[in-house]
Amino acid sequence: MKSKSLLLIRHAKSSWNDLSQKDFDRPLNDRGKKDAPAMAKRLHKEKNVVLDAIISSPARRAFTTAKFFAEEFEIKKKHIIEKPELYEASINNFYEAVASIHDDYDAVALCSHNPGITAFVNELTNVHVDDMPTCAVFALHIKTKSWKDFKIAEKEFWFFDYPKNVS
């Protein structure tokens, strides 16, 4: 059976410098701007990950993280898709976002926020993650031809990685 790959990415470290700024508009801080391209490169060069598209929360810190990954994987702008429901997302929002992915895409990254992304990854396989740190990536393979069947499809844990996970 054909399989698809999904990478769930928590946005990189964000700035709290301007406390008057809306949460939605918070940018990445210096560490985030360093971690996002470094993680993208690690996945691409060391883990040989391939990506067809990236779906992201439109919040500034998540979308900026998505753009760093898109740059590393040479993903064109039209394949970086904003999904407003991935900001402050519930588990159901994640399932709906994945089910809406076009079947032409076999390998997709989804960029979002805690606490929702940690709750979602813990729904998917028997691998438990206490907390998705900033810029963490939880990856799995899904035995399906269609993203619409994601919720009921067999899922296999692939890897979990994050910036401070240095071996």
N, C-alpha and C. Protein backbone atom coordinates (compact mmCIF):
# COMPACT_ATOMS: atom_id res chain seq x y z
N MET A 1 0.84 -1.19 0.00
CA MET A 1 0.00 0.00 0.00
C MET A 1 0.88 1.25 0.00
N LYS A 2 0.38 2.24 -0.66
CA LYS A 2 1.07 3.53 -0.73
C LYS A 2 1.08 4.16 0.67
N SER A 3 2.17 4.90 0.95
CA SER A 3 2.20 5.58 2.24
C SER A 3 2.52 7.06 2.06
N LYS A 4 2.14 7.82 3.07
CA LYS A 4 2.40 9.25 3.08
C LYS A 4 3.20 9.57 4.34
N SER A 5 3.85 10.72 4.35
CA SER A 5 4.63 11.13 5.51
C SER A 5 4.12 12.47 6.02
N LEU A 6 4.06 12.58 7.34
CA LEU A 6 3.62 13.81 7.97
C LEU A 6 4.63 14.21 9.05
N LEU A 7 5.06 15.46 8.99
CA LEU A 7 5.93 16.02 10.01
C LEU A 7 5.13 17.07 10.76
N LEU A 8 5.05 16.94 12.06
CA LEU A 8 4.36 17.92 12.90
C LEU A 8 5.44 18.76 13.59
N ILE A 9 5.43 20.05 13.30
CA ILE A 9 6.48 20.95 13.77
C ILE A 9 5.88 22.01 14.69
N ARG A 10 6.45 22.11 15.88
CA ARG A 10 6.08 23.25 16.74
C ARG A 10 6.94 24.42 16.31
N HIS A 11 6.36 25.60 16.24
CA HIS A 11 7.12 26.79 15.83
C HIS A 11 8.38 26.95 16.66
N ALA A 12 9.36 27.64 16.09
CA ALA A 12 10.62 27.93 16.79
C ALA A 12 10.38 28.95 17.92
N LYS A 13 11.40 29.15 18.73
CA LYS A 13 11.31 30.03 19.91
C LYS A 13 10.90 31.45 19.51
N SER A 14 9.91 31.96 20.23
CA SER A 14 9.39 33.29 19.90
C SER A 14 9.80 34.33 20.94
N SER A 15 9.65 35.56 20.55
CA SER A 15 10.06 36.68 21.38
C SER A 15 8.93 37.16 22.29
N TRP A 16 9.31 37.53 23.50
CA TRP A 16 8.37 38.13 24.45
C TRP A 16 8.83 39.56 24.78
N ASN A 17 9.67 40.15 23.92
CA ASN A 17 10.23 41.48 24.19
C ASN A 17 9.17 42.56 24.30
N ASP A 18 8.16 42.49 23.46
CA ASP A 18 7.12 43.52 23.44
C ASP A 18 5.83 42.94 24.02
N LEU A 19 5.61 43.18 25.30
CA LEU A 19 4.45 42.59 25.98
C LEU A 19 3.12 43.20 25.53
N SER A 20 3.17 44.33 24.82
CA SER A 20 1.94 44.93 24.31
C SER A 20 1.51 44.26 22.99
N GLN A 21 2.39 43.46 22.43
CA GLN A 21 2.11 42.81 21.16
C GLN A 21 1.11 41.66 21.34
N LYS A 22 0.20 41.53 20.38
CA LYS A 22 -0.75 40.42 20.41
C LYS A 22 0.01 39.11 20.26
N ASP A 23 -0.46 38.06 20.93
CA ASP A 23 0.17 36.75 20.84
C ASP A 23 0.34 36.31 19.38
N PHE A 24 -0.67 36.54 18.59
CA PHE A 24 -0.67 36.13 17.17
C PHE A 24 0.49 36.76 16.40
N ASP A 25 0.90 37.96 16.80
CA ASP A 25 1.90 38.73 16.07
C ASP A 25 3.32 38.58 16.58
N ARG A 26 3.52 37.76 17.61
CA ARG A 26 4.87 37.63 18.17
C ARG A 26 5.83 37.02 17.15
N PRO A 27 7.02 37.66 16.97
CA PRO A 27 8.00 37.14 16.02
C PRO A 27 8.90 36.08 16.67
N LEU A 28 9.76 35.48 15.87
CA LEU A 28 10.78 34.59 16.42
C LEU A 28 11.84 35.44 17.10
N ASN A 29 12.44 34.89 18.16
CA ASN A 29 13.58 35.58 18.78
C ASN A 29 14.86 35.10 18.08
N ASP A 30 16.00 35.54 18.54
CA ASP A 30 17.26 35.19 17.87
C ASP A 30 17.49 33.68 17.85
N ARG A 31 17.19 33.02 18.97
CA ARG A 31 17.37 31.57 19.01
C ARG A 31 16.44 30.88 18.00
N GLY A 32 15.20 31.35 17.91
CA GLY A 32 14.25 30.79 16.95
C GLY A 32 14.72 30.95 15.52
N LYS A 33 15.29 32.12 15.22
CA LYS A 33 15.80 32.38 13.86
C LYS A 33 17.00 31.51 13.53
N LYS A 34 17.67 31.01 14.55
CA LYS A 34 18.82 30.11 14.35
C LYS A 34 18.35 28.65 14.32
N ASP A 35 17.44 28.30 15.23
CA ASP A 35 16.98 26.90 15.34
C ASP A 35 16.18 26.42 14.13
N ALA A 36 15.29 27.27 13.60
CA ALA A 36 14.42 26.83 12.50
C ALA A 36 15.22 26.40 11.26
N PRO A 37 16.14 27.24 10.75
CA PRO A 37 16.91 26.78 9.59
C PRO A 37 17.83 25.60 9.93
N ALA A 38 18.34 25.56 11.15
CA ALA A 38 19.22 24.45 11.54
C ALA A 38 18.44 23.13 11.59
N MET A 39 17.23 23.15 12.14
CA MET A 39 16.41 21.93 12.19
C MET A 39 16.00 21.50 10.78
N ALA A 40 15.62 22.46 9.97
CA ALA A 40 15.24 22.14 8.59
C ALA A 40 16.40 21.47 7.87
N LYS A 41 17.58 22.03 8.04
CA LYS A 41 18.77 21.46 7.39
C LYS A 41 19.07 20.05 7.93
N ARG A 42 18.95 19.87 9.25
CA ARG A 42 19.21 18.56 9.86
C ARG A 42 18.27 17.50 9.26
N LEU A 43 16.99 17.85 9.14
CA LEU A 43 16.02 16.89 8.59
C LEU A 43 16.33 16.59 7.12
N HIS A 44 16.64 17.62 6.38
CA HIS A 44 16.87 17.49 4.95
C HIS A 44 18.17 16.73 4.65
N LYS A 45 19.25 17.15 5.29
CA LYS A 45 20.57 16.59 4.97
C LYS A 45 20.91 15.32 5.74
N GLU A 46 20.55 15.25 7.03
CA GLU A 46 20.94 14.10 7.85
C GLU A 46 19.88 12.99 7.86
N LYS A 47 18.61 13.37 7.82
CA LYS A 47 17.54 12.36 7.87
C LYS A 47 16.95 12.10 6.49
N ASN A 48 17.43 12.82 5.49
CA ASN A 48 16.96 12.66 4.10
C ASN A 48 15.44 12.79 3.95
N VAL A 49 14.87 13.70 4.73
CA VAL A 49 13.44 13.97 4.63
C VAL A 49 13.17 14.72 3.33
N VAL A 50 12.05 14.39 2.72
CA VAL A 50 11.58 15.08 1.51
C VAL A 50 10.23 15.70 1.87
N LEU A 51 9.98 16.91 1.39
CA LEU A 51 8.68 17.56 1.63
C LEU A 51 8.11 18.10 0.34
N ASP A 52 6.79 17.94 0.19
CA ASP A 52 6.08 18.48 -0.98
C ASP A 52 5.39 19.79 -0.64
N ALA A 53 5.00 19.96 0.62
CA ALA A 53 4.24 21.15 1.01
C ALA A 53 4.34 21.36 2.52
N ILE A 54 4.03 22.58 2.92
CA ILE A 54 3.99 22.93 4.34
C ILE A 54 2.67 23.64 4.61
N ILE A 55 2.00 23.19 5.67
CA ILE A 55 0.75 23.82 6.09
C ILE A 55 1.05 24.45 7.44
N SER A 56 0.66 25.71 7.62
CA SER A 56 1.04 26.42 8.82
C SER A 56 -0.08 27.26 9.40
N SER A 57 -0.02 27.41 10.70
CA SER A 57 -0.80 28.44 11.37
C SER A 57 -0.34 29.77 10.78
N PRO A 58 -1.26 30.72 10.62
CA PRO A 58 -0.86 32.02 10.10
C PRO A 58 -0.19 32.93 11.14
N ALA A 59 -0.15 32.49 12.40
CA ALA A 59 0.52 33.30 13.43
C ALA A 59 1.97 33.53 13.00
N ARG A 60 2.47 34.73 13.27
CA ARG A 60 3.77 35.13 12.74
C ARG A 60 4.90 34.15 13.07
N ARG A 61 4.99 33.69 14.31
CA ARG A 61 6.09 32.81 14.70
C ARG A 61 6.01 31.46 14.00
N ALA A 62 4.81 30.95 13.78
CA ALA A 62 4.63 29.66 13.10
C ALA A 62 4.91 29.81 11.61
N PHE A 63 4.36 30.84 11.00
CA PHE A 63 4.53 31.02 9.56
C PHE A 63 5.98 31.33 9.21
N THR A 64 6.69 32.06 10.07
CA THR A 64 8.11 32.33 9.85
C THR A 64 8.90 31.02 9.94
N THR A 65 8.56 30.18 10.90
CA THR A 65 9.20 28.86 11.01
C THR A 65 8.95 28.06 9.74
N ALA A 66 7.71 28.06 9.26
CA ALA A 66 7.36 27.34 8.03
C ALA A 66 8.18 27.84 6.85
N LYS A 67 8.38 29.16 6.78
CA LYS A 67 9.16 29.72 5.67
C LYS A 67 10.63 29.28 5.72
N PHE A 68 11.19 29.16 6.92
CA PHE A 68 12.57 28.65 7.03
C PHE A 68 12.66 27.22 6.50
N PHE A 69 11.67 26.39 6.84
CA PHE A 69 11.65 25.01 6.34
C PHE A 69 11.45 24.99 4.83
N ALA A 70 10.55 25.83 4.34
CA ALA A 70 10.29 25.89 2.90
C ALA A 70 11.55 26.27 2.13
N GLU A 71 12.31 27.20 2.68
CA GLU A 71 13.54 27.62 2.02
C GLU A 71 14.53 26.45 1.92
N GLU A 72 14.71 25.74 3.01
CA GLU A 72 15.65 24.59 3.00
C GLU A 72 15.21 23.51 2.03
N PHE A 73 13.91 23.25 1.99
CA PHE A 73 13.39 22.17 1.14
C PHE A 73 13.01 22.65 -0.27
N GLU A 74 13.30 23.92 -0.54
CA GLU A 74 13.01 24.52 -1.86
C GLU A 74 11.55 24.34 -2.26
N ILE A 75 10.69 24.63 -1.30
CA ILE A 75 9.24 24.55 -1.54
C ILE A 75 8.76 25.92 -2.02
N LYS A 76 8.09 25.91 -3.14
CA LYS A 76 7.58 27.16 -3.72
C LYS A 76 6.48 27.76 -2.83
N LYS A 77 6.34 29.06 -2.93
CA LYS A 77 5.39 29.81 -2.11
C LYS A 77 3.97 29.23 -2.20
N LYS A 78 3.56 28.79 -3.38
CA LYS A 78 2.20 28.27 -3.56
C LYS A 78 1.97 26.96 -2.79
N HIS A 79 3.06 26.33 -2.33
CA HIS A 79 2.94 25.08 -1.56
C HIS A 79 3.14 25.31 -0.06
N ILE A 80 3.10 26.59 0.35
CA ILE A 80 3.08 26.95 1.78
C ILE A 80 1.67 27.45 2.04
N ILE A 81 0.92 26.65 2.75
CA ILE A 81 -0.52 26.88 2.90
C ILE A 81 -0.85 27.33 4.32
N GLU A 82 -1.51 28.47 4.43
CA GLU A 82 -1.93 28.96 5.75
C GLU A 82 -3.28 28.36 6.12
N LYS A 83 -3.37 27.84 7.33
CA LYS A 83 -4.63 27.29 7.86
C LYS A 83 -4.92 28.00 9.18
N PRO A 84 -5.83 28.97 9.18
CA PRO A 84 -6.14 29.71 10.41
C PRO A 84 -6.52 28.82 11.58
N GLU A 85 -7.14 27.67 11.30
CA GLU A 85 -7.57 26.79 12.40
C GLU A 85 -6.39 26.12 13.12
N LEU A 86 -5.17 26.28 12.62
CA LEU A 86 -4.01 25.72 13.31
C LEU A 86 -3.46 26.65 14.39
N TYR A 87 -4.04 27.83 14.54
CA TYR A 87 -3.70 28.72 15.64
C TYR A 87 -4.69 28.41 16.77
N GLU A 88 -4.16 28.11 17.95
CA GLU A 88 -4.98 27.68 19.10
C GLU A 88 -5.82 26.46 18.73
N ALA A 89 -5.19 25.52 18.04
CA ALA A 89 -5.89 24.36 17.48
C ALA A 89 -6.23 23.30 18.51
N SER A 90 -7.41 22.73 18.32
CA SER A 90 -7.82 21.55 19.09
C SER A 90 -7.34 20.32 18.32
N ILE A 91 -7.43 19.17 18.94
CA ILE A 91 -7.07 17.92 18.26
C ILE A 91 -7.92 17.77 16.99
N ASN A 92 -9.20 18.08 17.07
CA ASN A 92 -10.06 17.99 15.88
C ASN A 92 -9.61 18.93 14.78
N ASN A 93 -9.14 20.14 15.14
CA ASN A 93 -8.63 21.07 14.12
C ASN A 93 -7.46 20.44 13.36
N PHE A 94 -6.59 19.74 14.10
CA PHE A 94 -5.46 19.08 13.44
C PHE A 94 -5.94 17.98 12.50
N TYR A 95 -6.86 17.15 12.97
CA TYR A 95 -7.38 16.09 12.10
C TYR A 95 -8.01 16.68 10.84
N GLU A 96 -8.77 17.75 11.00
CA GLU A 96 -9.41 18.38 9.84
C GLU A 96 -8.39 18.98 8.88
N ALA A 97 -7.34 19.59 9.43
CA ALA A 97 -6.29 20.17 8.57
C ALA A 97 -5.60 19.08 7.77
N VAL A 98 -5.30 17.96 8.41
CA VAL A 98 -4.63 16.86 7.70
C VAL A 98 -5.58 16.26 6.65
N ALA A 99 -6.84 16.07 7.01
CA ALA A 99 -7.81 15.49 6.06
C ALA A 99 -8.01 16.37 4.83
N SER A 100 -7.72 17.66 4.96
CA SER A 100 -7.92 18.59 3.85
C SER A 100 -6.71 18.68 2.91
N ILE A 101 -5.63 17.97 3.23
CA ILE A 101 -4.43 18.02 2.39
C ILE A 101 -4.73 17.38 1.04
N HIS A 102 -4.26 18.02 -0.01
CA HIS A 102 -4.46 17.50 -1.37
C HIS A 102 -3.67 16.21 -1.55
N ASP A 103 -4.28 15.20 -2.13
CA ASP A 103 -3.64 13.88 -2.26
C ASP A 103 -2.44 13.86 -3.20
N ASP A 104 -2.22 14.92 -3.96
CA ASP A 104 -1.00 15.01 -4.78
C ASP A 104 0.24 15.11 -3.90
N TYR A 105 0.07 15.59 -2.67
CA TYR A 105 1.19 15.72 -1.74
C TYR A 105 1.37 14.41 -0.97
N ASP A 106 2.58 13.85 -1.04
CA ASP A 106 2.88 12.62 -0.30
C ASP A 106 3.62 12.88 1.01
N ALA A 107 4.30 14.02 1.09
CA ALA A 107 5.08 14.34 2.28
C ALA A 107 4.81 15.79 2.66
N VAL A 108 4.21 15.98 3.84
CA VAL A 108 3.76 17.30 4.25
C VAL A 108 4.23 17.60 5.67
N ALA A 109 4.61 18.85 5.90
CA ALA A 109 4.90 19.33 7.25
C ALA A 109 3.77 20.24 7.68
N LEU A 110 3.41 20.13 8.94
CA LEU A 110 2.35 20.95 9.51
C LEU A 110 2.95 21.72 10.68
N CYS A 111 2.89 23.03 10.63
CA CYS A 111 3.53 23.88 11.64
C CYS A 111 2.48 24.57 12.51
N SER A 112 2.58 24.34 13.84
CA SER A 112 1.56 24.87 14.74
C SER A 112 2.13 25.15 16.12
N HIS A 113 1.27 25.10 17.14
CA HIS A 113 1.58 25.60 18.48
C HIS A 113 1.23 24.58 19.58
N ASN A 114 1.85 24.79 20.74
CA ASN A 114 1.43 24.09 21.94
C ASN A 114 0.25 24.85 22.54
N PRO A 115 -0.59 24.23 23.32
CA PRO A 115 -0.54 22.84 23.77
C PRO A 115 -1.13 21.86 22.74
N GLY A 116 -1.79 22.37 21.73
CA GLY A 116 -2.50 21.52 20.78
C GLY A 116 -1.62 20.51 20.05
N ILE A 117 -0.43 20.93 19.63
CA ILE A 117 0.40 20.02 18.83
C ILE A 117 0.90 18.84 19.67
N THR A 118 1.21 19.10 20.95
CA THR A 118 1.63 18.00 21.83
C THR A 118 0.47 17.03 22.05
N ALA A 119 -0.71 17.56 22.29
CA ALA A 119 -1.89 16.70 22.47
C ALA A 119 -2.14 15.87 21.22
N PHE A 120 -2.00 16.48 20.06
CA PHE A 120 -2.25 15.78 18.79
C PHE A 120 -1.23 14.66 18.56
N VAL A 121 0.05 14.94 18.73
CA VAL A 121 1.04 13.87 18.47
C VAL A 121 0.82 12.69 19.40
N ASN A 122 0.33 12.95 20.60
CA ASN A 122 0.10 11.86 21.55
C ASN A 122 -1.14 11.03 21.23
N GLU A 123 -1.94 11.49 20.29
CA GLU A 123 -3.11 10.75 19.81
C GLU A 123 -2.75 9.72 18.74
N LEU A 124 -1.60 9.91 18.09
CA LEU A 124 -1.34 9.27 16.80
C LEU A 124 -0.69 7.89 16.85
N THR A 125 0.24 7.69 17.77
CA THR A 125 0.94 6.40 17.85
C THR A 125 1.10 6.04 19.32
N ASN A 126 1.80 4.95 19.59
CA ASN A 126 2.04 4.59 20.99
C ASN A 126 3.27 5.30 21.55
N VAL A 127 3.89 6.19 20.77
CA VAL A 127 5.03 6.98 21.25
C VAL A 127 4.48 8.22 21.93
N HIS A 128 4.84 8.40 23.20
CA HIS A 128 4.34 9.54 23.98
C HIS A 128 5.42 10.62 24.10
N VAL A 129 5.02 11.86 23.92
CA VAL A 129 5.91 13.01 24.07
C VAL A 129 5.34 13.87 25.20
N ASP A 130 6.14 14.10 26.24
CA ASP A 130 5.66 14.93 27.36
C ASP A 130 5.37 16.35 26.92
N ASP A 131 6.24 16.89 26.07
CA ASP A 131 6.08 18.26 25.62
C ASP A 131 6.85 18.44 24.31
N MET A 132 6.22 19.05 23.33
CA MET A 132 6.91 19.38 22.09
C MET A 132 7.67 20.67 22.34
N PRO A 133 9.00 20.60 22.48
CA PRO A 133 9.75 21.85 22.68
C PRO A 133 9.67 22.72 21.41
N THR A 134 10.07 23.97 21.52
CA THR A 134 10.06 24.82 20.34
C THR A 134 10.92 24.21 19.24
N CYS A 135 10.42 24.25 18.04
CA CYS A 135 11.04 23.74 16.81
C CYS A 135 11.20 22.21 16.81
N ALA A 136 10.45 21.52 17.68
CA ALA A 136 10.46 20.06 17.68
C ALA A 136 9.72 19.54 16.46
N VAL A 137 10.13 18.34 16.02
CA VAL A 137 9.49 17.70 14.88
C VAL A 137 9.13 16.27 15.26
N PHE A 138 7.87 15.92 15.11
CA PHE A 138 7.37 14.57 15.33
C PHE A 138 6.94 14.07 13.95
N ALA A 139 7.56 12.98 13.50
CA ALA A 139 7.32 12.51 12.13
C ALA A 139 6.73 11.11 12.13
N LEU A 140 5.82 10.88 11.18
CA LEU A 140 5.24 9.56 11.05
C LEU A 140 4.93 9.24 9.59
N HIS A 141 4.82 7.95 9.34
CA HIS A 141 4.39 7.44 8.04
C HIS A 141 2.95 6.95 8.21
N ILE A 142 2.15 7.18 7.18
CA ILE A 142 0.74 6.81 7.23
C ILE A 142 0.45 5.89 6.05
N LYS A 143 -0.13 4.75 6.33
CA LYS A 143 -0.47 3.80 5.25
C LYS A 143 -1.82 4.18 4.68
N THR A 144 -1.78 5.01 3.66
CA THR A 144 -3.02 5.47 3.03
C THR A 144 -2.71 6.06 1.66
N LYS A 145 -3.71 6.06 0.81
CA LYS A 145 -3.59 6.74 -0.48
C LYS A 145 -4.16 8.14 -0.38
N SER A 146 -5.04 8.34 0.60
CA SER A 146 -5.73 9.63 0.72
C SER A 146 -5.62 10.21 2.13
N TRP A 147 -5.29 11.49 2.19
CA TRP A 147 -5.23 12.19 3.47
C TRP A 147 -6.59 12.19 4.17
N LYS A 148 -7.66 12.07 3.41
CA LYS A 148 -9.01 12.07 4.01
C LYS A 148 -9.18 10.90 4.98
N ASP A 149 -8.40 9.82 4.76
CA ASP A 149 -8.47 8.63 5.61
C ASP A 149 -7.47 8.66 6.76
N PHE A 150 -6.81 9.79 6.97
CA PHE A 150 -5.74 9.88 7.96
C PHE A 150 -6.16 9.39 9.35
N LYS A 151 -7.31 9.81 9.80
CA LYS A 151 -7.74 9.51 11.18
C LYS A 151 -7.81 8.00 11.42
N ILE A 152 -8.29 7.25 10.43
CA ILE A 152 -8.46 5.80 10.62
C ILE A 152 -7.29 4.98 10.07
N ALA A 153 -6.40 5.62 9.32
CA ALA A 153 -5.28 4.90 8.69
C ALA A 153 -4.26 4.45 9.73
N GLU A 154 -3.52 3.39 9.38
CA GLU A 154 -2.44 2.91 10.24
C GLU A 154 -1.30 3.91 10.20
N LYS A 155 -0.82 4.29 11.38
CA LYS A 155 0.27 5.26 11.48
C LYS A 155 1.48 4.61 12.14
N GLU A 156 2.64 4.95 11.61
CA GLU A 156 3.88 4.39 12.14
C GLU A 156 4.82 5.53 12.53
N PHE A 157 5.28 5.52 13.78
CA PHE A 157 6.23 6.52 14.26
C PHE A 157 7.50 6.45 13.42
N TRP A 158 8.01 7.61 13.01
CA TRP A 158 9.24 7.67 12.21
C TRP A 158 10.38 8.21 13.07
N PHE A 159 10.24 9.44 13.59
CA PHE A 159 11.25 10.00 14.49
C PHE A 159 10.70 11.20 15.24
N PHE A 160 11.40 11.56 16.29
CA PHE A 160 11.11 12.76 17.07
C PHE A 160 12.44 13.47 17.26
N ASP A 161 12.50 14.74 16.92
CA ASP A 161 13.77 15.47 17.03
C ASP A 161 13.47 16.92 17.43
N TYR A 162 14.45 17.56 18.02
CA TYR A 162 14.30 18.96 18.45
C TYR A 162 15.70 19.55 18.56
N PRO A 163 15.81 20.89 18.55
CA PRO A 163 17.12 21.53 18.48
C PRO A 163 18.14 21.09 19.53
N LYS A 164 17.72 20.90 20.77
CA LYS A 164 18.69 20.54 21.82
C LYS A 164 18.98 19.04 21.89
N ASN A 165 18.40 18.27 20.99
CA ASN A 165 18.61 16.81 20.93
C ASN A 165 19.88 16.52 20.13
N VAL A 166 21.01 16.72 20.77
CA VAL A 166 22.29 16.52 20.09
C VAL A 166 22.91 15.22 20.58
N SER A 167 23.20 14.34 19.61
CA SER A 167 23.77 13.04 20.03
C SER A 167 25.27 13.04 19.99
